[in-house]
Amino acid sequence: MIQKFEFKETEIKGLIEVTPFNADDIRGCFTKDYSKEVFEANGIKHDLAEVFYTTSYKGVIRALHFQREKQQPKLVRCIHGHVYDVVVDLRKDSPTFKKWLAFELIGEKHNEILVPAGCAHGYLVLEDSIVSYKCGEKFYGEYDDGIMWNDPDIAVDWKLDRVGGIDKVILADKDKNLQTFKEFMSKYGGF
């Protein structure tokens, strides 16, 4: 079975759900999750600056990250496993400012999202997973930042019951010490 590229716009401008090209046969499958030519033919500009992967255990929350400067648009796909992926619009002039949307990214489904610059991104790992990021800007550690995963003003519904509750959540020290949305706004006022 062959699945061609499909692009679905979401309520958040520039946040696009992508179904990549996928061909299944008796050997397994062949997946093409990015093509500059195909993306541009569909009105999407996403040039690659770097690609990286994360490997995470069930219960890990990686959230809600962004770069203060030289923001990173990113094409995100769970290539193995299953994650509950969350994007928050932090663009102060956007009609969806402070809104969050969630997506089920599943390795076997091959689906992905294109996260625009100016949005925070994170996910809850529902089963051990490997996630691919195809970024339109390099990572700069000095600009790396984020907002607390459980910030009450953003109020993401993380579906923690799917990993056994809050006691099963795994957070890196980096994610335990992120700022609140109010702190972010007082420092930067949005993007």
Protein backbone atom coordinates (compact mmCIF):
# COMPACT_ATOMS: atom_id res chain seq x y z
CA MET A 1 0.00 0.00 0.00
CA ILE A 2 1.29 3.46 -0.88
CA GLN A 3 0.42 6.58 1.13
CA LYS A 4 1.36 9.89 -0.48
CA PHE A 5 2.25 13.09 1.37
CA GLU A 6 -0.72 14.88 2.93
CA PHE A 7 -0.68 18.22 4.75
CA LYS A 8 -3.41 19.31 7.15
CA GLU A 9 -3.46 22.80 8.63
CA THR A 10 -4.45 23.16 12.27
CA GLU A 11 -6.05 25.94 14.27
CA ILE A 12 -2.56 27.29 15.09
CA LYS A 13 -1.16 29.06 12.02
CA GLY A 14 1.88 27.27 10.63
CA LEU A 15 1.36 24.14 12.76
CA ILE A 16 0.76 21.43 10.18
CA GLU A 17 -0.05 17.75 10.55
CA VAL A 18 1.92 15.80 7.96
CA THR A 19 1.32 12.31 6.64
CA PRO A 20 4.58 11.37 4.91
CA PHE A 21 5.07 9.21 1.85
CA ASN A 22 4.98 5.58 2.94
CA ALA A 23 5.10 2.37 0.92
CA ASP A 24 4.41 -0.99 2.61
CA ASP A 25 5.16 -4.37 1.08
CA ILE A 26 6.19 -7.85 2.21
CA ARG A 27 9.63 -6.57 3.29
CA GLY A 28 8.29 -3.88 5.62
CA CYS A 29 8.03 -0.23 4.62
CA PHE A 30 9.82 2.70 3.03
CA THR A 31 9.08 6.13 4.52
CA LYS A 32 10.07 9.54 3.17
CA ASP A 33 9.15 12.07 5.86
CA TYR A 34 10.65 15.16 4.24
CA SER A 35 11.06 16.42 0.70
CA LYS A 36 11.95 20.06 0.16
CA GLU A 37 10.36 19.91 -3.30
CA VAL A 38 7.08 18.37 -2.08
CA PHE A 39 6.83 20.72 0.91
CA GLU A 40 7.43 23.79 -1.27
CA ALA A 41 4.89 22.55 -3.85
CA ASN A 42 2.39 22.61 -0.98
CA GLY A 43 3.35 26.15 0.09
CA ILE A 44 5.54 25.07 3.02
CA LYS A 45 9.06 26.45 3.38
CA HIS A 46 11.16 24.30 5.72
CA ASP A 47 14.90 24.20 5.05
CA LEU A 48 16.90 21.82 7.20
CA ALA A 49 19.71 23.14 9.40
CA GLU A 50 20.17 20.03 11.56
CA VAL A 51 18.54 16.73 12.51
CA PHE A 52 18.60 15.06 15.91
CA TYR A 53 16.87 12.26 17.82
CA THR A 54 15.78 11.67 21.39
CA THR A 55 15.35 8.29 23.03
CA SER A 56 12.97 8.34 25.99
CA TYR A 57 11.37 5.93 28.43
CA LYS A 58 7.66 5.60 29.09
CA GLY A 59 6.59 8.36 31.49
CA VAL A 60 9.17 10.93 30.41
CA ILE A 61 7.89 14.46 29.82
CA ARG A 62 10.05 16.69 27.66
CA ALA A 63 8.37 20.07 27.85
CA LEU A 64 7.71 22.89 26.91
CA HIS A 65 10.86 23.91 25.07
CA PHE A 66 11.79 26.73 22.67
CA GLN A 67 14.73 28.95 21.71
CA ARG A 68 14.46 32.59 22.81
CA GLU A 69 16.55 33.72 19.84
CA LYS A 70 17.00 32.08 16.44
CA GLN A 71 13.82 30.11 16.97
CA GLN A 72 13.71 26.57 15.61
CA PRO A 73 10.86 25.52 13.36
CA LYS A 74 10.89 21.73 13.51
CA LEU A 75 9.41 18.72 11.79
CA VAL A 76 8.77 16.21 14.60
CA ARG A 77 8.07 12.49 14.12
CA CYS A 78 8.02 9.57 16.53
CA ILE A 79 9.95 6.98 14.53
CA HIS A 80 9.55 4.26 17.16
CA GLY A 81 7.01 4.08 19.96
CA HIS A 82 4.21 6.51 20.85
CA VAL A 83 4.19 10.05 22.26
CA TYR A 84 1.49 12.52 23.22
CA ASP A 85 2.91 15.63 21.57
CA VAL A 86 1.98 19.17 22.65
CA VAL A 87 2.53 22.52 20.92
CA VAL A 88 1.82 25.91 22.56
CA ASP A 89 1.56 29.10 20.51
CA LEU A 90 3.73 31.80 22.17
CA ARG A 91 3.47 34.38 19.37
CA LYS A 92 1.92 37.44 21.04
CA ASP A 93 0.29 38.71 17.83
CA SER A 94 -1.24 35.34 16.95
CA PRO A 95 -5.01 34.87 17.31
CA THR A 96 -4.22 31.53 19.00
CA PHE A 97 -1.67 32.99 21.45
CA LYS A 98 -1.35 30.72 24.54
CA LYS A 99 -3.45 27.98 22.93
CA TRP A 100 -2.12 24.44 22.99
CA LEU A 101 -2.88 21.51 20.71
CA ALA A 102 -1.98 17.85 21.24
CA PHE A 103 -1.21 15.10 18.73
CA GLU A 104 -0.72 11.35 18.95
CA LEU A 105 2.58 10.65 17.18
CA ILE A 106 2.95 6.92 16.62
CA GLY A 107 5.93 5.18 15.08
CA GLU A 108 3.87 2.64 13.14
CA LYS A 109 1.59 5.39 11.82
CA HIS A 110 4.57 7.47 10.51
CA ASN A 111 2.69 10.74 11.18
CA GLU A 112 4.48 13.97 12.03
CA ILE A 113 3.91 17.63 12.79
CA LEU A 114 5.61 20.78 11.55
CA VAL A 115 6.02 23.11 14.55
CA PRO A 116 6.47 26.75 13.53
CA ALA A 117 8.95 29.17 15.08
CA GLY A 118 7.44 30.97 18.07
CA CYS A 119 5.82 27.89 19.55
CA ALA A 120 6.84 25.81 22.56
CA HIS A 121 6.99 22.06 22.09
CA GLY A 122 6.99 19.03 24.35
CA TYR A 123 5.64 15.53 24.76
CA LEU A 124 4.68 12.77 27.16
CA VAL A 125 6.17 9.38 26.26
CA LEU A 126 3.41 6.76 26.27
CA GLU A 127 5.79 3.89 25.43
CA ASP A 128 9.58 3.78 25.04
CA SER A 129 10.18 5.98 22.00
CA ILE A 130 12.62 7.51 19.57
CA VAL A 131 11.65 10.95 18.24
CA SER A 132 13.19 12.68 15.22
CA TYR A 133 13.53 16.46 14.93
CA LYS A 134 14.31 17.99 11.54
CA CYS A 135 15.07 21.59 12.47
CA GLY A 136 15.05 24.70 10.32
CA GLU A 137 17.56 26.39 12.65
CA LYS A 138 20.55 25.13 14.62
CA PHE A 139 20.34 24.47 18.34
CA TYR A 140 21.94 27.22 20.43
CA GLY A 141 22.38 26.22 24.08
CA GLU A 142 22.64 29.85 25.20
CA TYR A 143 19.09 30.50 23.91
CA ASP A 144 17.56 27.22 25.09
CA ASP A 145 14.52 27.88 27.29
CA GLY A 146 11.10 26.63 28.23
CA ILE A 147 7.98 26.80 30.36
CA MET A 148 7.03 24.36 33.12
CA TRP A 149 5.15 21.33 31.80
CA ASN A 150 2.41 21.76 34.42
CA ASP A 151 2.04 25.54 34.23
CA PRO A 152 -1.45 26.43 35.50
CA ASP A 153 -1.97 29.30 33.03
CA ILE A 154 -1.36 27.14 29.97
CA ALA A 155 -3.06 24.12 31.63
CA VAL A 156 -2.08 21.35 29.24
CA ASP A 157 -4.09 18.18 29.81
CA TRP A 158 -1.17 15.73 29.75
CA LYS A 159 -3.31 12.55 30.01
CA LEU A 160 -1.08 11.28 32.84
CA ASP A 161 -3.45 8.37 33.45
CA ARG A 162 -2.00 6.84 30.26
CA VAL A 163 1.36 6.35 32.03
CA GLY A 164 -0.03 5.40 35.45
CA GLY A 165 -0.44 8.88 36.96
CA ILE A 166 1.79 11.72 38.12
CA ASP A 167 3.92 9.39 40.27
CA LYS A 168 5.17 7.69 37.07
CA VAL A 169 6.30 10.94 35.39
CA ILE A 170 10.05 11.20 34.72
CA LEU A 171 11.49 14.72 34.52
CA ALA A 172 15.07 15.83 33.92
CA ASP A 173 16.42 18.48 36.30
CA LYS A 174 16.32 20.90 33.36
CA ASP A 175 12.55 20.43 33.05
CA LYS A 176 11.96 20.64 36.80
CA ASN A 177 13.43 24.15 36.87
CA LEU A 178 11.71 25.85 33.94
CA GLN A 179 9.89 29.16 34.31
CA THR A 180 6.16 29.72 34.56
CA PHE A 181 4.17 31.29 31.74
CA LYS A 182 3.82 34.47 33.83
CA GLU A 183 7.62 34.64 34.26
CA PHE A 184 8.06 34.10 30.53
CA MET A 185 5.63 36.94 29.79
CA SER A 186 7.24 39.33 32.27
CA LYS A 187 10.69 38.65 30.76
CA TYR A 188 9.88 38.45 27.05
CA GLY A 189 6.21 39.38 26.51
CA GLY A 190 5.84 36.55 23.99
CA PHE A 191 7.55 36.27 20.62
